[in-house]
C-alpha atoms as a PDB file:
ATOM      1  CA  MET A   1      -0.019   0.219   0.377  1.00  0.00           C
ATOM      2  CA  THR A   2       0.971   3.505  -0.653  1.00  0.00           C
ATOM      3  CA  THR A   3       0.440   6.778  -0.851  1.00  0.00           C
ATOM      4  CA  VAL A   4       2.423   9.945  -2.499  1.00  0.00           C
ATOM      5  CA  ALA A   5       3.625  12.738   0.000  1.00  0.00           C
ATOM      6  CA  GLU A   6       0.930  12.196   2.591  1.00  0.00           C
ATOM      7  CA  LYS A   7       1.828  15.113   4.569  1.00  0.00           C
ATOM      8  CA  SER A   8       1.919  18.060   2.050  1.00  0.00           C
ATOM      9  CA  PHE A   9      -0.099  16.823  -1.003  1.00  0.00           C
ATOM     10  CA  SER A  10      -2.437  13.700  -0.935  1.00  0.00           C
ATOM     11  CA  GLY A  11      -3.351  13.346   2.605  1.00  0.00           C
ATOM     12  CA  PRO A  12      -3.440   9.951   4.341  1.00  0.00           C
ATOM     13  CA  LEU A  13      -4.301   6.500   2.913  1.00  0.00           C
ATOM     14  CA  PHE A  14      -8.077   6.079   3.790  1.00  0.00           C
ATOM     15  CA  ALA A  15      -9.001   4.504   7.449  1.00  0.00           C
ATOM     16  CA  GLU A  16     -10.991   2.049   5.565  1.00  0.00           C
ATOM     17  CA  ILE A  17      -8.299   0.558   3.846  1.00  0.00           C
ATOM     18  CA  LYS A  18      -5.762   0.296   6.679  1.00  0.00           C
ATOM     19  CA  ALA A  19      -8.153  -1.511   8.897  1.00  0.00           C
ATOM     20  CA  VAL A  20      -8.205  -4.178   6.368  1.00  0.00           C
ATOM     21  CA  PHE A  21      -4.563  -4.603   6.286  1.00  0.00           C
ATOM     22  CA  PRO A  22      -3.690  -3.073   9.859  1.00  0.00           C
ATOM     23  CA  SER A  23      -0.083  -4.779   9.990  1.00  0.00           C
ATOM     24  CA  HIS A  24       0.800  -4.142   6.407  1.00  0.00           C
ATOM     25  CA  PRO A  25       3.340  -0.975   6.629  1.00  0.00           C
ATOM     26  CA  VAL A  26       2.379   2.448   3.744  1.00  0.00           C
ATOM     27  CA  ILE A  27       4.764   3.270   1.801  1.00  0.00           C
ATOM     28  CA  ASP A  28       5.038   7.603   1.240  1.00  0.00           C
ATOM     29  CA  ARG A  29       6.323   7.978  -2.250  1.00  0.00           C
ATOM     30  CA  THR A  30       7.545  11.296  -3.320  1.00  0.00           C
ATOM     31  CA  THR A  31       6.775  10.603  -7.213  1.00  0.00           C
ATOM     32  CA  MET A  32       3.320   9.959  -8.844  1.00  0.00           C
ATOM     33  CA  ASN A  33       4.241   6.900 -10.882  1.00  0.00           C
ATOM     34  CA  THR A  34       4.784   3.995  -8.597  1.00  0.00           C
ATOM     35  CA  TRP A  35       7.025   2.181 -10.489  1.00  0.00           C
ATOM     36  CA  GLU A  36       9.558   5.118 -10.456  1.00  0.00           C
ATOM     37  CA  ASP A  37      10.042   3.913  -6.464  1.00  0.00           C
ATOM     38  CA  PRO A  38      12.476   1.288  -6.199  1.00  0.00           C
ATOM     39  CA  ARG A  39      10.785   0.316  -2.717  1.00  0.00           C
ATOM     40  CA  ILE A  40       7.666  -0.779  -4.551  1.00  0.00           C
ATOM     41  CA  THR A  41       9.297  -2.546  -7.492  1.00  0.00           C
ATOM     42  CA  ASP A  42      11.311  -4.611  -5.126  1.00  0.00           C
ATOM     43  CA  GLU A  43       8.109  -5.088  -2.890  1.00  0.00           C
ATOM     44  CA  VAL A  44       6.213  -6.588  -5.810  1.00  0.00           C
ATOM     45  CA  ASN A  45       9.002  -8.641  -6.920  1.00  0.00           C
ATOM     46  CA  ARG A  46       9.490 -10.038  -3.285  1.00  0.00           C
ATOM     47  CA  ILE A  47       5.752 -10.733  -2.811  1.00  0.00           C
ATOM     48  CA  GLY A  48       5.698 -12.627  -6.118  1.00  0.00           C
ATOM     49  CA  LYS A  49       2.128 -12.640  -7.325  1.00  0.00           C
ATOM     50  CA  SER A  50       0.796 -12.655 -10.813  1.00  0.00           C
ATOM     51  CA  ARG A  51      -2.307 -10.268 -10.007  1.00  0.00           C
ATOM     52  CA  LEU A  52      -2.111  -7.024  -8.310  1.00  0.00           C
ATOM     53  CA  VAL A  53      -4.842  -4.564  -7.365  1.00  0.00           C
ATOM     54  CA  ILE A  54      -4.280  -0.921  -8.272  1.00  0.00           C
ATOM     55  CA  CYS A  55      -6.127   1.757  -7.688  1.00  0.00           C
ATOM     56  CA  GLY A  56      -5.652   5.742  -7.098  1.00  0.00           C
ATOM     57  CA  LEU A  57      -7.331   9.107  -6.522  1.00  0.00           C
ATOM     58  CA  TRP A  58      -6.801   9.795 -10.199  1.00  0.00           C
ATOM     59  CA  THR A  59      -6.670   7.140 -12.544  1.00  0.00           C
ATOM     60  CA  SER A  60      -4.852   9.200 -15.182  1.00  0.00           C
ATOM     61  CA  VAL A  61      -1.957   9.773 -13.142  1.00  0.00           C
ATOM     62  CA  CYS A  62      -1.576   7.462 -10.540  1.00  0.00           C
ATOM     63  CA  ILE A  63      -2.278   4.149 -12.522  1.00  0.00           C
ATOM     64  CA  VAL A  64      -1.761   4.540 -15.871  1.00  0.00           C
ATOM     65  CA  GLY A  65       2.023   4.229 -15.598  1.00  0.00           C
ATOM     66  CA  PRO A  66       2.339   1.163 -13.161  1.00  0.00           C
ATOM     67  CA  ALA A  67      -0.798  -0.499 -15.220  1.00  0.00           C
ATOM     68  CA  LEU A  68       1.135   0.359 -18.377  1.00  0.00           C
END
């Protein structure tokens, strides 16, 4: 789970989402494209899942890069 500039831009991850995954850390990114943050790609590769759930506040900004 990630957010972008939680303190200054997009705000915290919704409490309802964090409640479903209470022990999972939230990675606070500094870039809109998730794949530009090596912490994310490292974690995705470590988990090794073939399917991911991708969601965001603005589909054209937050989701398009990782989805492609």
